[in-house]
Amino acid sequence: MVARIQAYFAGARSEFKAIKWPTFIETRQLTLIVIGLSLALAVFLGIFDYIFTYLLGQVLV
């Protein structure tokens, strides 16, 4: 049982060594892309929400 646990962690350690971690610049660029797309989507959905709220107000009044 102990040998299986040790083998599991040894395999996990070797997998972590095989990972190509992003550089600081890549991480910053991708983070800014995610923030920018999130803001753009928020503005897009906000505009549609405003339009539909306005139209619904015109129909119900």
PDB file of N, CA and C in Angstrom:
ATOM      1  N   MET A   1       0.827  -1.197   0.000  1.00  0.00           N
ATOM      2  CA  MET A   1       0.000   0.000   0.000  1.00  0.00           C
ATOM      3  C   MET A   1       0.877   1.269   0.000  1.00  0.00           C
ATOM      4  N   VAL A   2       1.891   1.269   0.843  1.00  0.00           N
ATOM      5  CA  VAL A   2       2.792   2.423   0.929  1.00  0.00           C
ATOM      6  C   VAL A   2       3.557   2.589  -0.382  1.00  0.00           C
ATOM      7  N   ALA A   3       3.934   1.488  -0.981  1.00  0.00           N
ATOM      8  CA  ALA A   3       4.675   1.546  -2.246  1.00  0.00           C
ATOM      9  C   ALA A   3       3.816   2.151  -3.358  1.00  0.00           C
ATOM     10  N   ARG A   4       2.530   1.833  -3.348  1.00  0.00           N
ATOM     11  CA  ARG A   4       1.627   2.401  -4.364  1.00  0.00           C
ATOM     12  C   ARG A   4       1.472   3.909  -4.179  1.00  0.00           C
ATOM     13  N   ILE A   5       1.388   4.339  -2.928  1.00  0.00           N
ATOM     14  CA  ILE A   5       1.273   5.779  -2.645  1.00  0.00           C
ATOM     15  C   ILE A   5       2.547   6.495  -3.080  1.00  0.00           C
ATOM     16  N   GLN A   6       3.697   5.910  -2.770  1.00  0.00           N
ATOM     17  CA  GLN A   6       4.970   6.510  -3.177  1.00  0.00           C
ATOM     18  C   GLN A   6       5.084   6.557  -4.693  1.00  0.00           C
ATOM     19  N   ALA A   7       4.636   5.517  -5.379  1.00  0.00           N
ATOM     20  CA  ALA A   7       4.683   5.496  -6.843  1.00  0.00           C
ATOM     21  C   ALA A   7       3.765   6.568  -7.427  1.00  0.00           C
ATOM     22  N   TYR A   8       2.611   6.758  -6.789  1.00  0.00           N
ATOM     23  CA  TYR A   8       1.684   7.793  -7.256  1.00  0.00           C
ATOM     24  C   TYR A   8       2.333   9.177  -7.172  1.00  0.00           C
ATOM     25  N   PHE A   9       2.930   9.478  -6.019  1.00  0.00           N
ATOM     26  CA  PHE A   9       3.546  10.797  -5.856  1.00  0.00           C
ATOM     27  C   PHE A   9       4.789  10.952  -6.733  1.00  0.00           C
ATOM     28  N   ALA A  10       5.519   9.882  -6.967  1.00  0.00           N
ATOM     29  CA  ALA A  10       6.670   9.957  -7.871  1.00  0.00           C
ATOM     30  C   ALA A  10       6.200  10.246  -9.291  1.00  0.00           C
ATOM     31  N   GLY A  11       5.102   9.613  -9.708  1.00  0.00           N
ATOM     32  CA  GLY A  11       4.544   9.886 -11.030  1.00  0.00           C
ATOM     33  C   GLY A  11       4.031  11.309 -11.140  1.00  0.00           C
ATOM     34  N   ALA A  12       3.380  11.790 -10.083  1.00  0.00           N
ATOM     35  CA  ALA A  12       2.874  13.162 -10.087  1.00  0.00           C
ATOM     36  C   ALA A  12       4.028  14.158 -10.175  1.00  0.00           C
ATOM     37  N   ARG A  13       5.117  13.878  -9.451  1.00  0.00           N
ATOM     38  CA  ARG A  13       6.287  14.767  -9.482  1.00  0.00           C
ATOM     39  C   ARG A  13       6.884  14.823 -10.887  1.00  0.00           C
ATOM     40  N   SER A  14       6.968  13.682 -11.546  1.00  0.00           N
ATOM     41  CA  SER A  14       7.540  13.670 -12.898  1.00  0.00           C
ATOM     42  C   SER A  14       6.629  14.386 -13.888  1.00  0.00           C
ATOM     43  N   GLU A  15       5.313  14.300 -13.692  1.00  0.00           N
ATOM     44  CA  GLU A  15       4.385  15.031 -14.561  1.00  0.00           C
ATOM     45  C   GLU A  15       4.510  16.538 -14.369  1.00  0.00           C
ATOM     46  N   PHE A  16       4.691  16.963 -13.119  1.00  0.00           N
ATOM     47  CA  PHE A  16       4.863  18.396 -12.869  1.00  0.00           C
ATOM     48  C   PHE A  16       6.134  18.926 -13.518  1.00  0.00           C
ATOM     49  N   LYS A  17       7.165  18.119 -13.573  1.00  0.00           N
ATOM     50  CA  LYS A  17       8.409  18.552 -14.219  1.00  0.00           C
ATOM     51  C   LYS A  17       8.235  18.677 -15.729  1.00  0.00           C
ATOM     52  N   ALA A  18       7.278  17.950 -16.304  1.00  0.00           N
ATOM     53  CA  ALA A  18       7.064  17.976 -17.752  1.00  0.00           C
ATOM     54  C   ALA A  18       6.210  19.153 -18.198  1.00  0.00           C
ATOM     55  N   ILE A  19       5.588  19.840 -17.245  1.00  0.00           N
ATOM     56  CA  ILE A  19       4.710  20.963 -17.589  1.00  0.00           C
ATOM     57  C   ILE A  19       5.545  22.143 -18.069  1.00  0.00           C
ATOM     58  N   LYS A  20       5.096  22.787 -19.156  1.00  0.00           N
ATOM     59  CA  LYS A  20       5.736  24.022 -19.614  1.00  0.00           C
ATOM     60  C   LYS A  20       4.957  25.180 -18.993  1.00  0.00           C
ATOM     61  N   TRP A  21       5.510  25.737 -17.935  1.00  0.00           N
ATOM     62  CA  TRP A  21       4.839  26.820 -17.240  1.00  0.00           C
ATOM     63  C   TRP A  21       4.977  28.115 -18.047  1.00  0.00           C
ATOM     64  N   PRO A  22       3.916  28.941 -18.085  1.00  0.00           N
ATOM     65  CA  PRO A  22       4.011  30.202 -18.847  1.00  0.00           C
ATOM     66  C   PRO A  22       4.942  31.189 -18.146  1.00  0.00           C
ATOM     67  N   THR A  23       5.532  32.052 -18.965  1.00  0.00           N
ATOM     68  CA  THR A  23       6.397  33.091 -18.403  1.00  0.00           C
ATOM     69  C   THR A  23       5.521  34.180 -17.794  1.00  0.00           C
ATOM     70  N   PHE A  24       6.152  35.088 -17.074  1.00  0.00           N
ATOM     71  CA  PHE A  24       5.414  36.192 -16.464  1.00  0.00           C
ATOM     72  C   PHE A  24       4.730  37.046 -17.531  1.00  0.00           C
ATOM     73  N   ILE A  25       5.429  37.293 -18.633  1.00  0.00           N
ATOM     74  CA  ILE A  25       4.868  38.127 -19.703  1.00  0.00           C
ATOM     75  C   ILE A  25       3.657  37.443 -20.341  1.00  0.00           C
ATOM     76  N   GLU A  26       3.762  36.132 -20.602  1.00  0.00           N
ATOM     77  CA  GLU A  26       2.627  35.396 -21.169  1.00  0.00           C
ATOM     78  C   GLU A  26       1.432  35.419 -20.218  1.00  0.00           C
ATOM     79  N   THR A  27       1.694  35.224 -18.947  1.00  0.00           N
ATOM     80  CA  THR A  27       0.618  35.242 -17.953  1.00  0.00           C
ATOM     81  C   THR A  27      -0.055  36.599 -17.917  1.00  0.00           C
ATOM     82  N   ARG A  28       0.742  37.673 -17.935  1.00  0.00           N
ATOM     83  CA  ARG A  28       0.175  39.024 -17.896  1.00  0.00           C
ATOM     84  C   ARG A  28      -0.642  39.302 -19.148  1.00  0.00           C
ATOM     85  N   GLN A  29      -0.129  38.921 -20.309  1.00  0.00           N
ATOM     86  CA  GLN A  29      -0.849  39.163 -21.558  1.00  0.00           C
ATOM     87  C   GLN A  29      -2.174  38.409 -21.598  1.00  0.00           C
ATOM     88  N   LEU A  30      -2.150  37.147 -21.212  1.00  0.00           N
ATOM     89  CA  LEU A  30      -3.374  36.353 -21.239  1.00  0.00           C
ATOM     90  C   LEU A  30      -4.379  36.842 -20.196  1.00  0.00           C
ATOM     91  N   THR A  31      -3.889  37.309 -19.055  1.00  0.00           N
ATOM     92  CA  THR A  31      -4.780  37.867 -18.035  1.00  0.00           C
ATOM     93  C   THR A  31      -5.451  39.131 -18.556  1.00  0.00           C
ATOM     94  N   LEU A  32      -4.696  39.985 -19.226  1.00  0.00           N
ATOM     95  CA  LEU A  32      -5.274  41.209 -19.783  1.00  0.00           C
ATOM     96  C   LEU A  32      -6.289  40.893 -20.884  1.00  0.00           C
ATOM     97  N   ILE A  33      -6.039  39.860 -21.662  1.00  0.00           N
ATOM     98  CA  ILE A  33      -7.005  39.457 -22.688  1.00  0.00           C
ATOM     99  C   ILE A  33      -8.307  39.007 -22.036  1.00  0.00           C
ATOM    100  N   VAL A  34      -8.208  38.203 -20.987  1.00  0.00           N
ATOM    101  CA  VAL A  34      -9.407  37.722 -20.292  1.00  0.00           C
ATOM    102  C   VAL A  34     -10.174  38.893 -19.679  1.00  0.00           C
ATOM    103  N   ILE A  35      -9.463  39.828 -19.060  1.00  0.00           N
ATOM    104  CA  ILE A  35     -10.133  40.992 -18.464  1.00  0.00           C
ATOM    105  C   ILE A  35     -10.795  41.830 -19.554  1.00  0.00           C
ATOM    106  N   GLY A  36     -10.099  42.056 -20.658  1.00  0.00           N
ATOM    107  CA  GLY A  36     -10.665  42.848 -21.752  1.00  0.00           C
ATOM    108  C   GLY A  36     -11.901  42.202 -22.353  1.00  0.00           C
ATOM    109  N   LEU A  37     -11.840  40.901 -22.610  1.00  0.00           N
ATOM    110  CA  LEU A  37     -13.006  40.212 -23.162  1.00  0.00           C
ATOM    111  C   LEU A  37     -14.166  40.203 -22.178  1.00  0.00           C
ATOM    112  N   SER A  38     -13.872  40.066 -20.900  1.00  0.00           N
ATOM    113  CA  SER A  38     -14.925  40.085 -19.886  1.00  0.00           C
ATOM    114  C   SER A  38     -15.610  41.449 -19.842  1.00  0.00           C
ATOM    115  N   LEU A  39     -14.820  42.517 -19.917  1.00  0.00           N
ATOM    116  CA  LEU A  39     -15.403  43.859 -19.918  1.00  0.00           C
ATOM    117  C   LEU A  39     -16.224  44.106 -21.185  1.00  0.00           C
ATOM    118  N   ALA A  40     -15.711  43.657 -22.325  1.00  0.00           N
ATOM    119  CA  ALA A  40     -16.443  43.833 -23.580  1.00  0.00           C
ATOM    120  C   ALA A  40     -17.765  43.079 -23.540  1.00  0.00           C
ATOM    121  N   LEU A  41     -17.758  41.873 -23.025  1.00  0.00           N
ATOM    122  CA  LEU A  41     -18.992  41.096 -22.915  1.00  0.00           C
ATOM    123  C   LEU A  41     -19.955  41.749 -21.936  1.00  0.00           C
ATOM    124  N   ALA A  42     -19.445  42.295 -20.843  1.00  0.00           N
ATOM    125  CA  ALA A  42     -20.297  42.977 -19.875  1.00  0.00           C
ATOM    126  C   ALA A  42     -20.966  44.193 -20.505  1.00  0.00           C
ATOM    127  N   VAL A  43     -20.217  44.970 -21.279  1.00  0.00           N
ATOM    128  CA  VAL A  43     -20.788  46.141 -21.956  1.00  0.00           C
ATOM    129  C   VAL A  43     -21.835  45.695 -22.980  1.00  0.00           C
ATOM    130  N   PHE A  44     -21.518  44.672 -23.757  1.00  0.00           N
ATOM    131  CA  PHE A  44     -22.435  44.148 -24.766  1.00  0.00           C
ATOM    132  C   PHE A  44     -23.750  43.694 -24.124  1.00  0.00           C
ATOM    133  N   LEU A  45     -23.653  42.911 -23.067  1.00  0.00           N
ATOM    134  CA  LEU A  45     -24.864  42.438 -22.392  1.00  0.00           C
ATOM    135  C   LEU A  45     -25.600  43.577 -21.694  1.00  0.00           C
ATOM    136  N   GLY A  46     -24.860  44.543 -21.179  1.00  0.00           N
ATOM    137  CA  GLY A  46     -25.482  45.704 -20.544  1.00  0.00           C
ATOM    138  C   GLY A  46     -26.295  46.527 -21.532  1.00  0.00           C
ATOM    139  N   ILE A  47     -25.777  46.684 -22.737  1.00  0.00           N
ATOM    140  CA  ILE A  47     -26.507  47.426 -23.774  1.00  0.00           C
ATOM    141  C   ILE A  47     -27.801  46.703 -24.131  1.00  0.00           C
ATOM    142  N   PHE A  48     -27.716  45.395 -24.336  1.00  0.00           N
ATOM    143  CA  PHE A  48     -28.928  44.637 -24.652  1.00  0.00           C
ATOM    144  C   PHE A  48     -29.920  44.658 -23.494  1.00  0.00           C
ATOM    145  N   ASP A  49     -29.428  44.594 -22.264  1.00  0.00           N
ATOM    146  CA  ASP A  49     -30.306  44.663 -21.106  1.00  0.00           C
ATOM    147  C   ASP A  49     -31.025  46.004 -21.075  1.00  0.00           C
ATOM    148  N   TYR A  50     -30.310  47.083 -21.333  1.00  0.00           N
ATOM    149  CA  TYR A  50     -30.919  48.414 -21.345  1.00  0.00           C
ATOM    150  C   TYR A  50     -31.976  48.509 -22.451  1.00  0.00           C
ATOM    151  N   ILE A  51     -31.655  48.014 -23.640  1.00  0.00           N
ATOM    152  CA  ILE A  51     -32.598  48.064 -24.762  1.00  0.00           C
ATOM    153  C   ILE A  51     -33.855  47.264 -24.447  1.00  0.00           C
ATOM    154  N   PHE A  52     -33.695  46.035 -23.963  1.00  0.00           N
ATOM    155  CA  PHE A  52     -34.854  45.202 -23.676  1.00  0.00           C
ATOM    156  C   PHE A  52     -35.675  45.758 -22.513  1.00  0.00           C
ATOM    157  N   THR A  53     -35.031  46.343 -21.522  1.00  0.00           N
ATOM    158  CA  THR A  53     -35.750  46.969 -20.418  1.00  0.00           C
ATOM    159  C   THR A  53     -36.561  48.155 -20.933  1.00  0.00           C
ATOM    160  N   TYR A  54     -35.962  48.949 -21.792  1.00  0.00           N
ATOM    161  CA  TYR A  54     -36.667  50.087 -22.363  1.00  0.00           C
ATOM    162  C   TYR A  54     -37.862  49.634 -23.194  1.00  0.00           C
ATOM    163  N   LEU A  55     -37.652  48.644 -24.051  1.00  0.00           N
ATOM    164  CA  LEU A  55     -38.749  48.141 -24.897  1.00  0.00           C
ATOM    165  C   LEU A  55     -39.868  47.517 -24.066  1.00  0.00           C
ATOM    166  N   LEU A  56     -39.505  46.768 -23.049  1.00  0.00           N
ATOM    167  CA  LEU A  56     -40.525  46.177 -22.181  1.00  0.00           C
ATOM    168  C   LEU A  56     -41.300  47.258 -21.444  1.00  0.00           C
ATOM    169  N   GLY A  57     -40.622  48.295 -21.038  1.00  0.00           N
ATOM    170  CA  GLY A  57     -41.309  49.426 -20.377  1.00  0.00           C
ATOM    171  C   GLY A  57     -42.272  50.104 -21.318  1.00  0.00           C
ATOM    172  N   GLN A  58     -41.922  50.203 -22.612  1.00  0.00           N
ATOM    173  CA  GLN A  58     -42.807  50.836 -23.580  1.00  0.00           C
ATOM    174  C   GLN A  58     -44.045  49.955 -23.850  1.00  0.00           C
ATOM    175  N   VAL A  59     -43.865  48.655 -23.829  1.00  0.00           N
ATOM    176  CA  VAL A  59     -44.972  47.738 -24.112  1.00  0.00           C
ATOM    177  C   VAL A  59     -45.932  47.686 -22.941  1.00  0.00           C
ATOM    178  N   LEU A  60     -45.416  47.668 -21.721  1.00  0.00           N
ATOM    179  CA  LEU A  60     -46.263  47.523 -20.542  1.00  0.00           C
ATOM    180  C   LEU A  60     -46.952  48.817 -20.123  1.00  0.00           C
ATOM    181  N   VAL A  61     -46.450  49.951 -20.534  1.00  0.00           N
ATOM    182  CA  VAL A  61     -47.058  51.228 -20.111  1.00  0.00           C
ATOM    183  C   VAL A  61     -48.109  51.690 -21.065  1.00  0.00           C
TER     184      VAL A  61
END
